[in-house]
Amino acid sequence: MGLGWDETVYVSQVAEHAPAAFFSAPRARGVSLLVAPVASWSSSVPLLRVYLAVLSGLGLFLALRAWRGVLPVRVVALGGALFASLWVTLFYGPQAMPNLWVALGALGAVGCFLQAQADRSRPGPVWGLAAGAALMALMRPTDAVWVCLPLLVALVAVRRWRHGPLLLALVGGLAAGAAEWVIEAYVDFGGPAQRLAEGSRIQGGLGWNNAVGDQLRSLGGRTLCRPCTGAMPSVAETLWWFALPVLAVLGLVVALRARRAAATVLACACAATAAVPYLFLIGYAAPRFLLPAYALLSLPVAGALVFLLTRPRGTWRPVAVTAVTLGLLGHLAIQATVLVRLVDRTTEGHQRWARIAAGLHRNGVTPPCLLTGDDPTAPPVPIAYYAGCASANTAGHNENTTAAGLARTARRMPVAVLTADGVEPPSYARTWTTVRLDAGVYARVAPFAGKRRGS
């Protein structure tokens, strides 16, 4: 499938074959550290995919393991299967992206929190809570805070849950995971407040934004919905999303009747706070944003399904079992359909980037080199990674240079400006050589590249 835009940014920070891409304010270094054991010495995408697939599968197992003894084993196993079978989970499991790891950290942290509350003599769950909080904060510090809000409130406001070592583990884990982000904020952005403000600007300004409809539109297999226009996906593709809160509420009722409400309430509360910023505070959508909420809600949903499969008696039981089984089979078929369609479309797009990179090489733009441009059909950041070049922008979210700086760079290394068909290049590149790279994509190549090719 090749690497996506965000993936190339994270991987390039530790890769040897390509310069590090510009690292904007909203990002954190957790993914780069995660892929370093492979990406630091190999450029093989299949190797990286297999490594991340195995690692994310192991992470899901460990996160679910934290819930043994808190919920029945069959509920935990079914919840894990439900979460793992979502197309968004399967799509991002082998990818160098942070959201799934926040989800796994959240699932493990809440489970360890409940384990520690049940038996305060065991140090393992306390350390597990710290590790889960640190993992979330390492990947996305702001997401970690939203997920952990109910845990912090429970530790402070609920008398029977007050536990100093747990509070220390939770706060310490968040601090340890976010330490690098905070240090980088002071070094590059003027402090955490300025970094958060810059991140808000890049994301279109955080504030009241009803993005529920945007999330619905993304369920048909859109990795990023910005701007989120177009028709809604089919009812079949969105039905599970509407069933999710209904089944979670039923799971909560079942847990209340079974006198294990605390675990389900806490899972639902953390899922709700994890979802709030991406449903109501941001002006665009991506399905991966809600992965932490899906992971936490999978257990109450599983509890509801187990109840529907086992509770009915007499003639109603075969009816209930048949209905739930057919519903789950249909759900799996729909998830697989969306996944295959998305993978095919994504692979086609990434192959196009590879063709453009090959075209640049044929025209003398070889490492060390630099790419720029503002054409969304030929983004310079991922194409630069594919070509082994650096990338730069004079405007937009990745602004890190000026037109004068690019002109100076063109005197000492190959520089190319990617443009769409019929779009005028910037003034400094209008005399550069024009080459066609792919359908509708051209490059203005600085004279230096031509000299290298000629030699």
Protein backbone atom coordinates (compact mmCIF):
# COMPACT_ATOMS: atom_id res chain seq x y z
CA MET A 1 0.00 0.00 0.00
CA GLY A 2 2.94 2.35 0.44
CA LEU A 3 3.22 4.97 3.16
CA GLY A 4 0.62 7.72 3.57
CA TRP A 5 1.25 11.43 4.01
CA ASP A 6 1.26 11.44 7.83
CA GLU A 7 3.21 8.20 7.91
CA THR A 8 6.03 9.69 5.84
CA VAL A 9 6.29 12.56 8.32
CA TYR A 10 6.61 10.22 11.31
CA VAL A 11 8.88 7.68 9.62
CA SER A 12 11.16 10.31 8.06
CA GLN A 13 12.15 11.50 11.55
CA VAL A 14 14.15 8.28 12.07
CA ALA A 15 14.73 7.01 8.51
CA GLU A 16 18.19 7.13 6.97
CA HIS A 17 17.20 7.23 3.30
CA ALA A 18 15.10 10.44 3.46
CA PRO A 19 15.50 13.78 5.27
CA ALA A 20 13.15 14.49 8.16
CA ALA A 21 9.94 16.24 7.09
CA PHE A 22 8.66 19.35 8.84
CA PHE A 23 7.12 18.39 12.20
CA SER A 24 4.12 20.62 12.93
CA ALA A 25 2.74 21.60 16.33
CA PRO A 26 -0.12 19.05 16.66
CA ARG A 27 2.17 16.04 16.21
CA ALA A 28 4.04 14.07 18.87
CA ARG A 29 7.12 11.87 18.53
CA GLY A 30 5.62 8.65 19.85
CA VAL A 31 5.06 7.05 16.45
CA SER A 32 8.59 7.87 15.34
CA LEU A 33 9.96 6.11 18.42
CA LEU A 34 7.62 3.18 17.77
CA VAL A 35 8.87 2.61 14.21
CA ALA A 36 12.54 3.36 14.93
CA PRO A 37 13.56 -0.29 15.51
CA VAL A 38 12.73 -1.00 11.87
CA ALA A 39 12.69 2.33 10.00
CA SER A 40 16.09 3.41 11.32
CA TRP A 41 17.87 0.72 9.27
CA SER A 42 15.40 -0.45 6.59
CA SER A 43 13.23 1.35 4.05
CA SER A 44 11.11 -1.77 3.44
CA VAL A 45 7.42 -0.92 3.73
CA PRO A 46 6.29 -4.58 3.95
CA LEU A 47 8.71 -5.17 6.83
CA LEU A 48 7.40 -2.09 8.62
CA ARG A 49 3.79 -3.16 8.05
CA VAL A 50 4.38 -6.67 9.42
CA TYR A 51 6.24 -5.26 12.43
CA LEU A 52 3.40 -2.86 13.25
CA ALA A 53 0.70 -5.47 12.64
CA VAL A 54 2.33 -7.91 15.06
CA LEU A 55 3.03 -5.17 17.59
CA SER A 56 -0.51 -3.78 17.50
CA GLY A 57 -1.95 -7.31 17.84
CA LEU A 58 0.24 -7.89 20.87
CA GLY A 59 -0.78 -4.50 22.25
CA LEU A 60 -4.47 -5.36 21.92
CA PHE A 61 -3.92 -8.69 23.69
CA LEU A 62 -2.13 -7.00 26.60
CA ALA A 63 -4.78 -4.27 26.84
CA LEU A 64 -7.55 -6.89 27.00
CA ARG A 65 -5.52 -8.93 29.49
CA ALA A 66 -5.88 -6.04 31.93
CA TRP A 67 -9.65 -6.66 32.03
CA ARG A 68 -9.48 -10.31 33.11
CA GLY A 69 -11.09 -10.57 36.51
CA VAL A 70 -12.89 -7.25 35.98
CA LEU A 71 -15.35 -8.58 33.39
CA PRO A 72 -16.21 -12.15 32.36
CA VAL A 73 -13.66 -13.63 29.97
CA ARG A 74 -16.22 -14.16 27.20
CA VAL A 75 -17.20 -10.49 27.37
CA VAL A 76 -13.55 -9.38 27.16
CA ALA A 77 -12.83 -11.76 24.26
CA LEU A 78 -15.91 -10.71 22.30
CA GLY A 79 -15.17 -7.03 22.94
CA GLY A 80 -11.67 -7.46 21.60
CA ALA A 81 -13.00 -9.27 18.52
CA LEU A 82 -15.56 -6.52 17.87
CA PHE A 83 -12.94 -3.78 18.09
CA ALA A 84 -10.39 -5.68 16.01
CA SER A 85 -12.91 -6.32 13.23
CA LEU A 86 -13.76 -2.67 12.58
CA TRP A 87 -12.41 -1.54 9.21
CA VAL A 88 -10.77 1.48 10.84
CA THR A 89 -8.91 -0.76 13.32
CA LEU A 90 -7.77 -3.16 10.61
CA PHE A 91 -6.72 -0.31 8.31
CA TYR A 92 -4.62 1.49 10.90
CA GLY A 93 -3.27 -1.54 12.78
CA PRO A 94 -0.24 -1.91 10.47
CA GLN A 95 0.19 1.84 9.90
CA ALA A 96 2.60 4.30 11.46
CA MET A 97 -0.17 6.40 13.01
CA PRO A 98 -0.85 7.31 16.66
CA ASN A 99 -4.59 6.91 17.21
CA LEU A 100 -4.75 3.13 17.56
CA TRP A 101 -1.97 3.27 20.15
CA VAL A 102 -3.92 5.84 22.13
CA ALA A 103 -6.85 3.43 21.99
CA LEU A 104 -4.77 0.51 23.25
CA GLY A 105 -3.25 2.64 25.99
CA ALA A 106 -6.71 3.79 27.05
CA LEU A 107 -8.12 0.26 27.10
CA GLY A 108 -5.20 -1.05 29.15
CA ALA A 109 -5.10 1.93 31.52
CA VAL A 110 -8.78 1.73 32.46
CA GLY A 111 -8.51 -2.03 32.98
CA CYS A 112 -5.45 -1.65 35.20
CA PHE A 113 -7.16 1.14 37.14
CA LEU A 114 -10.05 -1.19 37.95
CA GLN A 115 -7.70 -4.07 38.77
CA ALA A 116 -5.79 -1.86 41.19
CA GLN A 117 -8.99 -0.70 42.86
CA ALA A 118 -10.11 -4.30 43.34
CA ASP A 119 -6.81 -5.38 44.95
CA ARG A 120 -4.58 -2.60 46.24
CA SER A 121 -1.90 -5.00 47.39
CA ARG A 122 -0.78 -5.82 43.83
CA PRO A 123 1.78 -3.45 42.28
CA GLY A 124 1.33 -4.80 38.72
CA PRO A 125 -1.91 -2.94 37.88
CA VAL A 126 -0.48 0.31 39.27
CA TRP A 127 2.49 0.05 36.93
CA GLY A 128 0.12 -0.95 34.13
CA LEU A 129 -1.89 2.24 34.67
CA ALA A 130 1.29 4.32 34.50
CA ALA A 131 2.40 2.53 31.32
CA GLY A 132 -0.99 3.01 29.64
CA ALA A 133 -1.08 6.71 30.51
CA ALA A 134 2.51 7.17 29.31
CA LEU A 135 1.75 5.42 26.01
CA MET A 136 -1.23 7.67 25.35
CA ALA A 137 0.68 10.83 26.21
CA LEU A 138 3.66 9.77 24.11
CA MET A 139 1.41 9.37 21.08
CA ARG A 140 -1.03 12.28 21.55
CA PRO A 141 -0.76 14.23 24.83
CA THR A 142 -4.06 16.11 24.48
CA ASP A 143 -5.97 12.90 23.72
CA ALA A 144 -4.41 11.29 26.79
CA VAL A 145 -5.74 14.08 29.03
CA TRP A 146 -9.27 13.74 27.62
CA VAL A 147 -9.25 9.96 28.12
CA CYS A 148 -7.93 10.21 31.68
CA LEU A 149 -10.32 12.91 32.91
CA PRO A 150 -12.85 10.42 34.39
CA LEU A 151 -10.02 8.51 36.07
CA LEU A 152 -8.69 11.70 37.66
CA VAL A 153 -12.18 12.72 38.78
CA ALA A 154 -12.81 9.27 40.24
CA LEU A 155 -9.54 9.34 42.18
CA VAL A 156 -10.29 12.77 43.63
CA ALA A 157 -14.08 12.82 44.03
CA VAL A 158 -15.05 9.22 44.87
CA ARG A 159 -14.04 8.52 48.47
CA ARG A 160 -13.77 4.73 48.17
CA TRP A 161 -11.58 5.11 45.06
CA ARG A 162 -9.09 7.55 46.53
CA HIS A 163 -5.72 5.92 46.31
CA GLY A 164 -2.46 7.88 46.45
CA PRO A 165 -0.27 5.39 44.52
CA LEU A 166 -2.86 5.23 41.70
CA LEU A 167 -3.06 9.01 41.45
CA LEU A 168 0.73 9.21 41.39
CA ALA A 169 0.91 6.50 38.73
CA LEU A 170 -1.68 8.22 36.54
CA VAL A 171 -0.21 11.71 36.78
CA GLY A 172 3.36 10.38 36.59
CA GLY A 173 2.58 8.32 33.51
CA LEU A 174 1.00 11.29 31.74
CA ALA A 175 3.96 13.50 32.67
CA ALA A 176 6.54 10.93 31.55
CA GLY A 177 4.82 10.36 28.21
CA ALA A 178 4.32 14.07 27.51
CA ALA A 179 7.82 15.15 28.64
CA GLU A 180 9.36 15.13 25.17
CA TRP A 181 6.38 17.06 23.73
CA VAL A 182 6.68 19.69 26.47
CA ILE A 183 10.46 20.07 26.01
CA GLU A 184 10.01 20.42 22.25
CA ALA A 185 7.27 22.98 22.87
CA TYR A 186 9.71 25.19 24.77
CA VAL A 187 12.52 24.69 22.25
CA ASP A 188 10.56 25.20 19.01
CA PHE A 189 7.25 26.91 19.83
CA GLY A 190 7.81 29.15 22.83
CA GLY A 191 6.08 26.91 25.36
CA PRO A 192 3.16 24.48 25.66
CA ALA A 193 0.50 27.22 25.46
CA GLN A 194 1.95 28.57 22.22
CA ARG A 195 2.25 25.07 20.81
CA LEU A 196 -1.37 24.32 21.62
CA ALA A 197 -2.42 27.62 20.03
CA GLU A 198 -0.42 26.83 16.90
CA GLY A 199 -1.94 23.35 16.81
CA SER A 200 -5.41 24.87 17.08
CA ARG A 201 -4.66 27.23 14.19
CA ILE A 202 -3.46 24.36 11.99
CA GLN A 203 -6.60 22.38 12.81
CA GLY A 204 -8.84 25.25 11.79
CA GLY A 205 -9.42 26.72 15.24
CA LEU A 206 -10.63 24.55 18.09
CA GLY A 207 -13.99 25.53 19.54
CA TRP A 208 -17.62 24.55 19.28
CA ASN A 209 -17.98 22.57 16.05
CA ASN A 210 -20.60 19.89 15.56
CA ALA A 211 -18.62 17.27 13.65
CA VAL A 212 -21.06 14.38 14.17
CA GLY A 213 -22.24 14.60 10.58
CA ASP A 214 -18.64 14.78 9.37
CA GLN A 215 -17.80 11.59 11.26
CA LEU A 216 -20.80 9.90 9.69
CA ARG A 217 -19.65 10.89 6.20
CA SER A 218 -16.21 9.46 6.90
CA LEU A 219 -17.57 6.01 7.79
CA GLY A 220 -17.81 5.04 4.13
CA GLY A 221 -14.02 4.79 3.94
CA ARG A 222 -12.66 8.35 3.96
CA THR A 223 -9.42 8.65 5.87
CA LEU A 224 -9.76 12.43 6.15
CA CYS A 225 -12.93 14.45 5.75
CA ARG A 226 -11.67 18.04 5.33
CA PRO A 227 -13.74 19.71 4.01
CA CYS A 228 -16.40 17.13 4.70
CA THR A 229 -18.83 17.42 1.81
CA GLY A 230 -20.65 14.95 -0.38
CA ALA A 231 -23.36 12.40 0.23
CA MET A 232 -23.69 10.28 3.34
CA PRO A 233 -22.60 6.64 3.12
CA SER A 234 -25.24 3.96 2.78
CA VAL A 235 -27.38 3.01 5.76
CA ALA A 236 -25.63 -0.37 5.88
CA GLU A 237 -22.24 1.34 6.32
CA THR A 238 -23.40 3.60 9.16
CA LEU A 239 -25.87 1.36 10.99
CA TRP A 240 -23.22 0.00 13.37
CA TRP A 241 -22.39 3.54 14.45
CA PHE A 242 -25.97 4.18 15.57
CA ALA A 243 -26.16 0.75 17.21
CA LEU A 244 -22.99 1.41 19.22
CA PRO A 245 -24.45 3.81 21.85
CA VAL A 246 -27.68 1.79 22.09
CA LEU A 247 -25.83 -1.43 22.82
CA ALA A 248 -23.47 0.39 25.20
CA VAL A 249 -26.44 1.64 27.22
CA LEU A 250 -27.89 -1.89 27.24
CA GLY A 251 -24.50 -3.16 28.40
CA LEU A 252 -24.57 -0.61 31.22
CA VAL A 253 -28.03 -1.80 32.29
CA VAL A 254 -26.82 -5.41 32.22
CA ALA A 255 -23.78 -4.47 34.31
CA LEU A 256 -25.99 -2.68 36.87
CA ARG A 257 -28.12 -5.78 37.24
CA ALA A 258 -24.99 -7.94 37.60
CA ARG A 259 -23.57 -5.54 40.23
CA ARG A 260 -20.44 -4.75 38.25
CA ALA A 261 -21.51 -1.30 37.13
CA ALA A 262 -18.27 0.48 38.07
CA ALA A 263 -16.24 -1.07 35.26
CA THR A 264 -18.86 -0.35 32.59
CA VAL A 265 -19.57 3.18 33.84
CA LEU A 266 -15.88 4.03 33.82
CA ALA A 267 -15.34 2.57 30.35
CA CYS A 268 -18.31 4.54 28.99
CA ALA A 269 -17.19 7.74 30.73
CA CYS A 270 -13.64 7.55 29.33
CA ALA A 271 -15.04 6.74 25.89
CA ALA A 272 -17.31 9.80 26.06
CA THR A 273 -14.54 12.20 27.08
CA ALA A 274 -12.24 10.73 24.42
CA ALA A 275 -14.90 11.39 21.77
CA VAL A 276 -15.92 14.90 22.86
CA PRO A 277 -13.13 16.91 21.15
CA TYR A 278 -13.54 15.04 17.86
CA LEU A 279 -17.33 15.26 17.81
CA PHE A 280 -17.84 18.80 19.09
CA LEU A 281 -14.60 20.81 19.15
CA ILE A 282 -12.99 20.32 15.74
CA GLY A 283 -14.23 21.32 12.31
CA TYR A 284 -13.37 18.19 10.35
CA ALA A 285 -13.34 14.43 10.79
CA ALA A 286 -11.30 11.28 10.41
CA PRO A 287 -12.52 7.84 11.53
CA ARG A 288 -9.24 7.15 13.35
CA PHE A 289 -9.93 9.99 15.78
CA LEU A 290 -12.60 7.92 17.53
CA LEU A 291 -10.57 4.71 17.89
CA PRO A 292 -10.08 5.22 21.68
CA ALA A 293 -13.84 5.59 22.12
CA TYR A 294 -14.52 2.49 20.01
CA ALA A 295 -12.01 0.44 22.02
CA LEU A 296 -13.55 1.40 25.35
CA LEU A 297 -17.15 0.96 24.19
CA SER A 298 -16.42 -2.47 22.73
CA LEU A 299 -16.60 -4.05 26.19
CA PRO A 300 -20.06 -2.71 27.21
CA VAL A 301 -21.30 -3.61 23.73
CA ALA A 302 -19.92 -7.12 24.14
CA GLY A 303 -21.66 -7.39 27.49
CA ALA A 304 -24.96 -6.47 25.84
CA LEU A 305 -24.48 -9.03 23.06
CA VAL A 306 -23.57 -11.79 25.51
CA PHE A 307 -26.75 -10.95 27.42
CA LEU A 308 -28.84 -11.16 24.23
CA LEU A 309 -27.25 -14.50 23.35
CA THR A 310 -27.65 -16.13 26.74
CA ARG A 311 -30.49 -14.47 28.65
CA PRO A 312 -33.62 -15.31 26.61
CA ARG A 313 -35.33 -18.57 27.49
CA GLY A 314 -37.64 -20.95 25.67
CA THR A 315 -38.66 -20.18 22.09
CA TRP A 316 -37.12 -16.69 22.22
CA ARG A 317 -33.58 -17.95 22.60
CA PRO A 318 -33.15 -19.35 19.04
CA VAL A 319 -34.67 -16.14 17.70
CA ALA A 320 -32.23 -13.98 19.68
CA VAL A 321 -29.22 -16.13 18.78
CA THR A 322 -30.15 -16.09 15.09
CA ALA A 323 -30.71 -12.33 15.04
CA VAL A 324 -27.44 -11.51 16.80
CA THR A 325 -25.48 -13.98 14.67
CA LEU A 326 -26.89 -12.65 11.39
CA GLY A 327 -26.30 -9.08 12.56
CA LEU A 328 -22.67 -9.80 13.40
CA LEU A 329 -22.06 -11.62 10.09
CA GLY A 330 -23.59 -8.72 8.16
CA HIS A 331 -21.51 -6.27 10.16
CA LEU A 332 -18.30 -8.17 9.36
CA ALA A 333 -19.18 -8.31 5.65
CA ILE A 334 -19.77 -4.56 5.53
CA GLN A 335 -16.56 -3.78 7.41
CA ALA A 336 -14.57 -5.99 5.02
CA THR A 337 -16.18 -4.35 1.98
CA VAL A 338 -15.34 -0.84 3.16
CA LEU A 339 -11.80 -1.94 4.06
CA VAL A 340 -11.04 -3.54 0.69
CA ARG A 341 -12.44 -0.54 -1.18
CA LEU A 342 -10.37 1.87 0.90
CA VAL A 343 -7.16 -0.15 0.56
CA ASP A 344 -7.56 -0.30 -3.23
CA ARG A 345 -8.14 3.44 -3.47
CA THR A 346 -5.27 4.23 -1.08
CA THR A 347 -2.87 1.93 -2.90
CA GLU A 348 -3.69 3.60 -6.21
CA GLY A 349 -3.00 7.04 -4.74
CA HIS A 350 0.29 6.01 -3.16
CA GLN A 351 1.42 4.31 -6.37
CA ARG A 352 0.84 7.60 -8.13
CA TRP A 353 3.17 9.30 -5.68
CA ALA A 354 5.78 6.63 -6.43
CA ARG A 355 5.42 7.27 -10.19
CA ILE A 356 5.89 11.00 -9.65
CA ALA A 357 9.01 10.33 -7.56
CA ALA A 358 10.38 8.07 -10.31
CA GLY A 359 9.71 10.81 -12.85
CA LEU A 360 11.66 13.30 -10.75
CA HIS A 361 14.61 10.90 -10.64
CA ARG A 362 14.54 10.53 -14.43
CA ASN A 363 14.77 14.30 -14.73
CA GLY A 364 17.77 14.69 -12.46
CA VAL A 365 16.04 15.41 -9.16
CA THR A 366 17.93 12.88 -7.06
CA PRO A 367 19.16 13.06 -3.45
CA PRO A 368 20.19 15.40 -2.03
CA CYS A 369 17.27 17.38 -3.38
CA LEU A 370 14.26 19.44 -2.30
CA LEU A 371 10.59 19.54 -3.35
CA THR A 372 7.97 22.19 -2.82
CA GLY A 373 4.54 23.10 -4.14
CA ASP A 374 0.94 23.56 -3.07
CA ASP A 375 -0.93 21.19 -5.39
CA PRO A 376 -3.10 18.85 -3.25
CA THR A 377 -3.01 16.19 -6.00
CA ALA A 378 0.80 16.08 -5.77
CA PRO A 379 1.69 16.91 -2.15
CA PRO A 380 5.43 17.56 -1.80
CA VAL A 381 5.80 16.04 1.69
CA PRO A 382 5.04 12.36 0.89
CA ILE A 383 6.45 12.56 -2.64
CA ALA A 384 9.69 13.97 -1.24
CA TYR A 385 9.92 10.96 1.08
CA TYR A 386 9.36 8.58 -1.83
CA ALA A 387 12.05 10.41 -3.84
CA GLY A 388 14.52 10.64 -0.94
CA CYS A 389 14.32 14.45 -1.00
CA ALA A 390 13.66 17.09 1.61
CA SER A 391 10.40 19.05 1.45
CA ALA A 392 9.68 22.70 2.10
CA ASN A 393 6.72 25.06 1.95
CA THR A 394 6.45 28.83 1.82
CA ALA A 395 2.86 28.90 3.14
CA GLY A 396 0.23 26.73 4.77
CA HIS A 397 0.41 24.35 7.72
CA ASN A 398 3.94 23.17 6.86
CA GLU A 399 5.48 26.60 6.23
CA ASN A 400 9.19 26.38 7.00
CA THR A 401 10.98 28.49 4.39
CA THR A 402 10.70 31.49 2.07
CA ALA A 403 10.81 31.99 -1.68
CA ALA A 404 14.27 33.55 -1.33
CA GLY A 405 15.41 30.54 0.68
CA LEU A 406 14.22 28.15 -2.03
CA ALA A 407 15.97 30.18 -4.72
CA ARG A 408 19.22 30.01 -2.75
CA THR A 409 18.83 26.28 -2.21
CA ALA A 410 18.36 25.79 -5.95
CA ARG A 411 21.93 27.02 -6.51
CA ARG A 412 23.43 24.14 -4.53
CA MET A 413 21.08 21.16 -5.02
CA PRO A 414 18.26 19.97 -7.29
CA VAL A 415 14.99 21.72 -6.47
CA ALA A 416 11.61 21.10 -8.08
CA VAL A 417 8.22 22.79 -7.71
CA LEU A 418 5.25 20.44 -8.17
CA THR A 419 2.29 22.02 -9.95
CA ALA A 420 -1.01 20.95 -11.46
CA ASP A 421 -1.79 21.26 -15.14
CA GLY A 422 -2.52 24.89 -16.04
CA VAL A 423 -1.36 26.32 -12.69
CA GLU A 424 1.29 29.02 -12.78
CA PRO A 425 4.42 28.26 -10.74
CA PRO A 426 5.79 30.78 -8.24
CA SER A 427 7.77 33.67 -9.68
CA TYR A 428 11.19 32.30 -8.73
CA ALA A 429 10.55 29.10 -10.73
CA ARG A 430 9.00 30.46 -13.93
CA THR A 431 12.20 30.13 -15.91
CA TRP A 432 12.92 26.60 -14.69
CA THR A 433 12.51 23.57 -16.93
CA THR A 434 8.98 22.17 -17.13
CA VAL A 435 8.60 18.37 -17.11
CA ARG A 436 5.48 16.19 -17.07
CA LEU A 437 5.54 13.64 -14.25
CA ASP A 438 2.08 12.06 -14.32
CA ALA A 439 -1.41 12.81 -15.58
CA GLY A 440 -2.09 16.42 -14.66
CA VAL A 441 1.11 16.83 -12.61
CA TYR A 442 4.15 18.83 -13.71
CA ALA A 443 7.37 19.96 -12.10
CA ARG A 444 9.45 23.06 -12.60
CA VAL A 445 13.01 21.79 -12.17
CA ALA A 446 15.82 24.16 -11.21
CA PRO A 447 18.74 24.41 -13.69
CA PHE A 448 21.08 22.66 -11.21
CA ALA A 449 19.20 19.40 -11.75
CA GLY A 450 19.68 19.62 -15.46
CA LYS A 451 23.45 20.04 -15.02
CA ARG A 452 23.61 16.97 -12.79
CA ARG A 453 21.64 14.92 -15.31
CA GLY A 454 23.81 16.11 -18.17
CA SER A 455 26.98 15.17 -16.36
